PDB file of N, CA and C in Angstrom:
ATOM      1  N   MET A   1      -2.398   3.945  34.996  1.00  0.00           N
ATOM      2  CA  MET A   1      -2.569   2.971  36.046  1.00  0.00           C
ATOM      3  C   MET A   1      -3.714   2.029  35.668  1.00  0.00           C
ATOM      4  N   VAL A   2      -3.489   0.754  35.840  1.00  0.00           N
ATOM      5  CA  VAL A   2      -4.489  -0.254  35.526  1.00  0.00           C
ATOM      6  C   VAL A   2      -5.137  -0.718  36.822  1.00  0.00           C
ATOM      7  N   GLU A   3      -6.456  -0.694  36.825  1.00  0.00           N
ATOM      8  CA  GLU A   3      -7.196  -1.161  37.984  1.00  0.00           C
ATOM      9  C   GLU A   3      -8.014  -2.381  37.587  1.00  0.00           C
ATOM     10  N   ILE A   4      -7.768  -3.492  38.244  1.00  0.00           N
ATOM     11  CA  ILE A   4      -8.478  -4.726  37.944  1.00  0.00           C
ATOM     12  C   ILE A   4      -9.740  -4.784  38.790  1.00  0.00           C
ATOM     13  N   ILE A   5     -10.869  -4.916  38.120  1.00  0.00           N
ATOM     14  CA  ILE A   5     -12.157  -5.000  38.798  1.00  0.00           C
ATOM     15  C   ILE A   5     -12.483  -6.476  38.985  1.00  0.00           C
ATOM     16  N   ARG A   6     -12.611  -6.895  40.199  1.00  0.00           N
ATOM     17  CA  ARG A   6     -12.897  -8.294  40.495  1.00  0.00           C
ATOM     18  C   ARG A   6     -14.327  -8.458  41.002  1.00  0.00           C
ATOM     19  N   ARG A   7     -14.891  -9.587  40.685  1.00  0.00           N
ATOM     20  CA  ARG A   7     -16.227  -9.915  41.161  1.00  0.00           C
ATOM     21  C   ARG A   7     -16.120 -10.426  42.595  1.00  0.00           C
ATOM     22  N   SER A   8     -17.034 -10.020  43.429  1.00  0.00           N
ATOM     23  CA  SER A   8     -16.993 -10.469  44.821  1.00  0.00           C
ATOM     24  C   SER A   8     -17.464 -11.918  44.918  1.00  0.00           C
ATOM     25  N   ASP A   9     -16.967 -12.639  45.916  1.00  0.00           N
ATOM     26  CA  ASP A   9     -17.302 -14.053  46.077  1.00  0.00           C
ATOM     27  C   ASP A   9     -18.744 -14.277  46.522  1.00  0.00           C
ATOM     28  N   ASP A  10     -19.331 -13.309  47.220  1.00  0.00           N
ATOM     29  CA  ASP A  10     -20.701 -13.480  47.710  1.00  0.00           C
ATOM     30  C   ASP A  10     -21.758 -12.977  46.729  1.00  0.00           C
ATOM     31  N   GLN A  11     -21.356 -12.645  45.511  1.00  0.00           N
ATOM     32  CA  GLN A  11     -22.281 -12.128  44.505  1.00  0.00           C
ATOM     33  C   GLN A  11     -23.156 -13.255  43.954  1.00  0.00           C
ATOM     34  N   LYS A  12     -24.442 -13.016  43.877  1.00  0.00           N
ATOM     35  CA  LYS A  12     -25.394 -13.972  43.321  1.00  0.00           C
ATOM     36  C   LYS A  12     -25.970 -13.409  42.026  1.00  0.00           C
ATOM     37  N   GLY A  13     -25.970 -14.213  40.985  1.00  0.00           N
ATOM     38  CA  GLY A  13     -26.559 -13.791  39.725  1.00  0.00           C
ATOM     39  C   GLY A  13     -25.699 -12.794  38.961  1.00  0.00           C
ATOM     40  N   PHE A  14     -26.324 -12.142  37.983  1.00  0.00           N
ATOM     41  CA  PHE A  14     -25.626 -11.202  37.116  1.00  0.00           C
ATOM     42  C   PHE A  14     -25.624  -9.822  37.738  1.00  0.00           C
ATOM     43  N   GLN A  15     -24.457  -9.184  37.727  1.00  0.00           N
ATOM     44  CA  GLN A  15     -24.339  -7.816  38.192  1.00  0.00           C
ATOM     45  C   GLN A  15     -23.308  -7.116  37.318  1.00  0.00           C
ATOM     46  N   ILE A  16     -23.620  -5.919  36.871  1.00  0.00           N
ATOM     47  CA  ILE A  16     -22.715  -5.173  36.006  1.00  0.00           C
ATOM     48  C   ILE A  16     -21.512  -4.702  36.811  1.00  0.00           C
ATOM     49  N   LEU A  17     -20.325  -4.991  36.297  1.00  0.00           N
ATOM     50  CA  LEU A  17     -19.096  -4.560  36.939  1.00  0.00           C
ATOM     51  C   LEU A  17     -18.719  -3.185  36.397  1.00  0.00           C
ATOM     52  N   PRO A  18     -18.204  -2.290  37.232  1.00  0.00           N
ATOM     53  CA  PRO A  18     -17.906  -0.934  36.780  1.00  0.00           C
ATOM     54  C   PRO A  18     -16.801  -0.909  35.731  1.00  0.00           C
ATOM     55  N   ARG A  19     -17.047  -0.201  34.648  1.00  0.00           N
ATOM     56  CA  ARG A  19     -16.103   0.050  33.562  1.00  0.00           C
ATOM     57  C   ARG A  19     -15.682  -1.198  32.791  1.00  0.00           C
ATOM     58  N   ARG A  20     -16.310  -2.329  33.029  1.00  0.00           N
ATOM     59  CA  ARG A  20     -15.960  -3.549  32.304  1.00  0.00           C
ATOM     60  C   ARG A  20     -16.333  -3.424  30.830  1.00  0.00           C
ATOM     61  N   TRP A  21     -17.396  -2.682  30.533  1.00  0.00           N
ATOM     62  CA  TRP A  21     -17.864  -2.543  29.162  1.00  0.00           C
ATOM     63  C   TRP A  21     -16.838  -1.851  28.280  1.00  0.00           C
ATOM     64  N   VAL A  22     -15.983  -1.019  28.863  1.00  0.00           N
ATOM     65  CA  VAL A  22     -14.963  -0.325  28.077  1.00  0.00           C
ATOM     66  C   VAL A  22     -13.988  -1.337  27.477  1.00  0.00           C
ATOM     67  N   VAL A  23     -13.583  -2.297  28.265  1.00  0.00           N
ATOM     68  CA  VAL A  23     -12.662  -3.326  27.790  1.00  0.00           C
ATOM     69  C   VAL A  23     -13.330  -4.188  26.735  1.00  0.00           C
ATOM     70  N   GLU A  24     -14.563  -4.616  26.992  1.00  0.00           N
ATOM     71  CA  GLU A  24     -15.274  -5.464  26.038  1.00  0.00           C
ATOM     72  C   GLU A  24     -15.514  -4.725  24.720  1.00  0.00           C
ATOM     73  N   ARG A  25     -15.818  -3.441  24.776  1.00  0.00           N
ATOM     74  CA  ARG A  25     -16.027  -2.655  23.564  1.00  0.00           C
ATOM     75  C   ARG A  25     -14.743  -2.552  22.759  1.00  0.00           C
ATOM     76  N   THR A  26     -13.622  -2.347  23.444  1.00  0.00           N
ATOM     77  CA  THR A  26     -12.336  -2.236  22.754  1.00  0.00           C
ATOM     78  C   THR A  26     -11.964  -3.545  22.081  1.00  0.00           C
ATOM     79  N   PHE A  27     -12.198  -4.681  22.752  1.00  0.00           N
ATOM     80  CA  PHE A  27     -11.941  -5.974  22.115  1.00  0.00           C
ATOM     81  C   PHE A  27     -12.828  -6.161  20.894  1.00  0.00           C
ATOM     82  N   GLY A  28     -14.055  -5.684  20.956  1.00  0.00           N
ATOM     83  CA  GLY A  28     -14.951  -5.758  19.812  1.00  0.00           C
ATOM     84  C   GLY A  28     -14.446  -4.949  18.634  1.00  0.00           C
ATOM     85  N   TRP A  29     -13.898  -3.777  18.902  1.00  0.00           N
ATOM     86  CA  TRP A  29     -13.324  -2.957  17.837  1.00  0.00           C
ATOM     87  C   TRP A  29     -12.127  -3.648  17.210  1.00  0.00           C
ATOM     88  N   MET A  30     -11.313  -4.304  18.023  1.00  0.00           N
ATOM     89  CA  MET A  30     -10.105  -4.940  17.494  1.00  0.00           C
ATOM     90  C   MET A  30     -10.437  -6.151  16.629  1.00  0.00           C
ATOM     91  N   THR A  31     -11.536  -6.829  16.878  1.00  0.00           N
ATOM     92  CA  THR A  31     -11.864  -8.008  16.069  1.00  0.00           C
ATOM     93  C   THR A  31     -12.365  -7.638  14.676  1.00  0.00           C
ATOM     94  N   ARG A  32     -12.549  -6.370  14.395  1.00  0.00           N
ATOM     95  CA  ARG A  32     -12.872  -5.960  13.028  1.00  0.00           C
ATOM     96  C   ARG A  32     -11.675  -6.105  12.100  1.00  0.00           C
ATOM     97  N   TRP A  33     -10.485  -6.198  12.672  1.00  0.00           N
ATOM     98  CA  TRP A  33      -9.262  -6.386  11.896  1.00  0.00           C
ATOM     99  C   TRP A  33      -8.987  -7.879  11.817  1.00  0.00           C
ATOM    100  N   ARG A  34      -8.947  -8.413  10.598  1.00  0.00           N
ATOM    101  CA  ARG A  34      -8.864  -9.851  10.388  1.00  0.00           C
ATOM    102  C   ARG A  34      -7.630 -10.475  11.030  1.00  0.00           C
ATOM    103  N   ARG A  35      -6.512  -9.789  11.016  1.00  0.00           N
ATOM    104  CA  ARG A  35      -5.285 -10.357  11.586  1.00  0.00           C
ATOM    105  C   ARG A  35      -5.339 -10.442  13.103  1.00  0.00           C
ATOM    106  N   LEU A  36      -6.271  -9.734  13.731  1.00  0.00           N
ATOM    107  CA  LEU A  36      -6.365  -9.780  15.180  1.00  0.00           C
ATOM    108  C   LEU A  36      -7.413 -10.766  15.679  1.00  0.00           C
ATOM    109  N   VAL A  37      -8.176 -11.354  14.765  1.00  0.00           N
ATOM    110  CA  VAL A  37      -9.184 -12.328  15.181  1.00  0.00           C
ATOM    111  C   VAL A  37      -8.506 -13.600  15.667  1.00  0.00           C
ATOM    112  N   ARG A  38      -7.470 -14.026  14.961  1.00  0.00           N
ATOM    113  CA  ARG A  38      -6.678 -15.191  15.357  1.00  0.00           C
ATOM    114  C   ARG A  38      -5.258 -14.721  15.667  1.00  0.00           C
ATOM    115  N   ASP A  39      -4.549 -15.523  16.390  1.00  0.00           N
ATOM    116  CA  ASP A  39      -3.171 -15.171  16.747  1.00  0.00           C
ATOM    117  C   ASP A  39      -2.226 -15.720  15.679  1.00  0.00           C
ATOM    118  N   TYR A  40      -2.093 -14.980  14.573  1.00  0.00           N
ATOM    119  CA  TYR A  40      -1.244 -15.410  13.469  1.00  0.00           C
ATOM    120  C   TYR A  40       0.229 -15.098  13.721  1.00  0.00           C
ATOM    121  N   GLU A  41       0.491 -14.070  14.475  1.00  0.00           N
ATOM    122  CA  GLU A  41       1.857 -13.582  14.620  1.00  0.00           C
ATOM    123  C   GLU A  41       2.686 -14.504  15.506  1.00  0.00           C
ATOM    124  N   GLN A  42       3.945 -14.680  15.144  1.00  0.00           N
ATOM    125  CA  GLN A  42       4.852 -15.517  15.928  1.00  0.00           C
ATOM    126  C   GLN A  42       5.616 -14.697  16.964  1.00  0.00           C
ATOM    127  N   ARG A  43       5.731 -13.398  16.710  1.00  0.00           N
ATOM    128  CA  ARG A  43       6.479 -12.541  17.621  1.00  0.00           C
ATOM    129  C   ARG A  43       5.536 -11.583  18.334  1.00  0.00           C
ATOM    130  N   ILE A  44       5.815 -11.324  19.598  1.00  0.00           N
ATOM    131  CA  ILE A  44       4.966 -10.456  20.415  1.00  0.00           C
ATOM    132  C   ILE A  44       5.010  -9.016  19.907  1.00  0.00           C
ATOM    133  N   ASP A  45       6.181  -8.544  19.485  1.00  0.00           N
ATOM    134  CA  ASP A  45       6.278  -7.151  19.045  1.00  0.00           C
ATOM    135  C   ASP A  45       5.473  -6.899  17.774  1.00  0.00           C
ATOM    136  N   VAL A  46       5.381  -7.885  16.895  1.00  0.00           N
ATOM    137  CA  VAL A  46       4.572  -7.733  15.687  1.00  0.00           C
ATOM    138  C   VAL A  46       3.088  -7.719  16.057  1.00  0.00           C
ATOM    139  N   SER A  47       2.704  -8.573  16.984  1.00  0.00           N
ATOM    140  CA  SER A  47       1.308  -8.593  17.445  1.00  0.00           C
ATOM    141  C   SER A  47       0.932  -7.268  18.097  1.00  0.00           C
ATOM    142  N   GLN A  48       1.832  -6.736  18.910  1.00  0.00           N
ATOM    143  CA  GLN A  48       1.576  -5.447  19.547  1.00  0.00           C
ATOM    144  C   GLN A  48       1.474  -4.335  18.511  1.00  0.00           C
ATOM    145  N   ALA A  49       2.319  -4.392  17.489  1.00  0.00           N
ATOM    146  CA  ALA A  49       2.259  -3.388  16.427  1.00  0.00           C
ATOM    147  C   ALA A  49       0.938  -3.454  15.675  1.00  0.00           C
ATOM    148  N   MET A  50       0.415  -4.664  15.441  1.00  0.00           N
ATOM    149  CA  MET A  50      -0.874  -4.798  14.754  1.00  0.00           C
ATOM    150  C   MET A  50      -2.017  -4.239  15.596  1.00  0.00           C
ATOM    151  N   ILE A  51      -1.935  -4.407  16.905  1.00  0.00           N
ATOM    152  CA  ILE A  51      -2.958  -3.824  17.781  1.00  0.00           C
ATOM    153  C   ILE A  51      -2.897  -2.303  17.706  1.00  0.00           C
ATOM    154  N   LEU A  52      -1.695  -1.741  17.704  1.00  0.00           N
ATOM    155  CA  LEU A  52      -1.558  -0.289  17.592  1.00  0.00           C
ATOM    156  C   LEU A  52      -2.066   0.221  16.250  1.00  0.00           C
ATOM    157  N   VAL A  53      -1.800  -0.518  15.179  1.00  0.00           N
ATOM    158  CA  VAL A  53      -2.301  -0.124  13.852  1.00  0.00           C
ATOM    159  C   VAL A  53      -3.826  -0.159  13.839  1.00  0.00           C
ATOM    160  N   ALA A  54      -4.413  -1.190  14.433  1.00  0.00           N
ATOM    161  CA  ALA A  54      -5.874  -1.302  14.464  1.00  0.00           C
ATOM    162  C   ALA A  54      -6.490  -0.151  15.250  1.00  0.00           C
ATOM    163  N   MET A  55      -5.928   0.173  16.391  1.00  0.00           N
ATOM    164  CA  MET A  55      -6.478   1.261  17.202  1.00  0.00           C
ATOM    165  C   MET A  55      -6.254   2.620  16.527  1.00  0.00           C
ATOM    166  N   ALA A  56      -5.129   2.783  15.839  1.00  0.00           N
ATOM    167  CA  ALA A  56      -4.896   4.030  15.093  1.00  0.00           C
ATOM    168  C   ALA A  56      -5.899   4.153  13.950  1.00  0.00           C
ATOM    169  N   GLY A  57      -6.154   3.052  13.263  1.00  0.00           N
ATOM    170  CA  GLY A  57      -7.162   3.065  12.195  1.00  0.00           C
ATOM    171  C   GLY A  57      -8.537   3.405  12.726  1.00  0.00           C
ATOM    172  N   ASN A  58      -8.863   2.881  13.887  1.00  0.00           N
ATOM    173  CA  ASN A  58     -10.144   3.191  14.524  1.00  0.00           C
ATOM    174  C   ASN A  58     -10.228   4.679  14.865  1.00  0.00           C
ATOM    175  N   LEU A  59      -9.151   5.222  15.403  1.00  0.00           N
ATOM    176  CA  LEU A  59      -9.114   6.645  15.750  1.00  0.00           C
ATOM    177  C   LEU A  59      -9.247   7.520  14.511  1.00  0.00           C
ATOM    178  N   ILE A  60      -8.543   7.180  13.449  1.00  0.00           N
ATOM    179  CA  ILE A  60      -8.625   7.960  12.208  1.00  0.00           C
ATOM    180  C   ILE A  60     -10.036   7.897  11.635  1.00  0.00           C
ATOM    181  N   ARG A  61     -10.631   6.706  11.642  1.00  0.00           N
ATOM    182  CA  ARG A  61     -11.993   6.549  11.118  1.00  0.00           C
ATOM    183  C   ARG A  61     -12.987   7.390  11.909  1.00  0.00           C
ATOM    184  N   ARG A  62     -12.839   7.420  13.220  1.00  0.00           N
ATOM    185  CA  ARG A  62     -13.769   8.197  14.051  1.00  0.00           C
ATOM    186  C   ARG A  62     -13.570   9.700  13.882  1.00  0.00           C
ATOM    187  N   ASN A  63     -12.343  10.132  13.611  1.00  0.00           N
ATOM    188  CA  ASN A  63     -12.096  11.567  13.424  1.00  0.00           C
ATOM    189  C   ASN A  63     -12.543  12.058  12.057  1.00  0.00           C
ATOM    190  N   THR A  64     -12.484  11.204  11.037  1.00  0.00           N
ATOM    191  CA  THR A  64     -12.854  11.643   9.696  1.00  0.00           C
ATOM    192  C   THR A  64     -14.340  11.467   9.403  1.00  0.00           C
ATOM    193  N   HIS A  65     -15.019  10.574  10.118  1.00  0.00           N
ATOM    194  CA  HIS A  65     -16.448  10.314   9.907  1.00  0.00           C
ATOM    195  C   HIS A  65     -17.191  10.436  11.234  1.00  0.00           C
ATOM    196  N   PRO A  66     -17.415  11.655  11.691  1.00  0.00           N
ATOM    197  CA  PRO A  66     -18.098  11.802  13.002  1.00  0.00           C
ATOM    198  C   PRO A  66     -19.556  11.408  12.981  1.00  0.00           C
TER     199      PRO A  66
END
């Protein structure tokens, strides 16, 4: 289940949103893969496959080098 965290309209200044850092961290991990920095792919399924390959590579790297 995906839960979208929205900023309230009456919020003043900077305030940390709950669990937002998880998404930002994941995007940071994906930009380590050169093909994911720019949108080179013409087909959505190929782009999705590259994201899965990048995340699998990240998982393998974390399991082999703790």
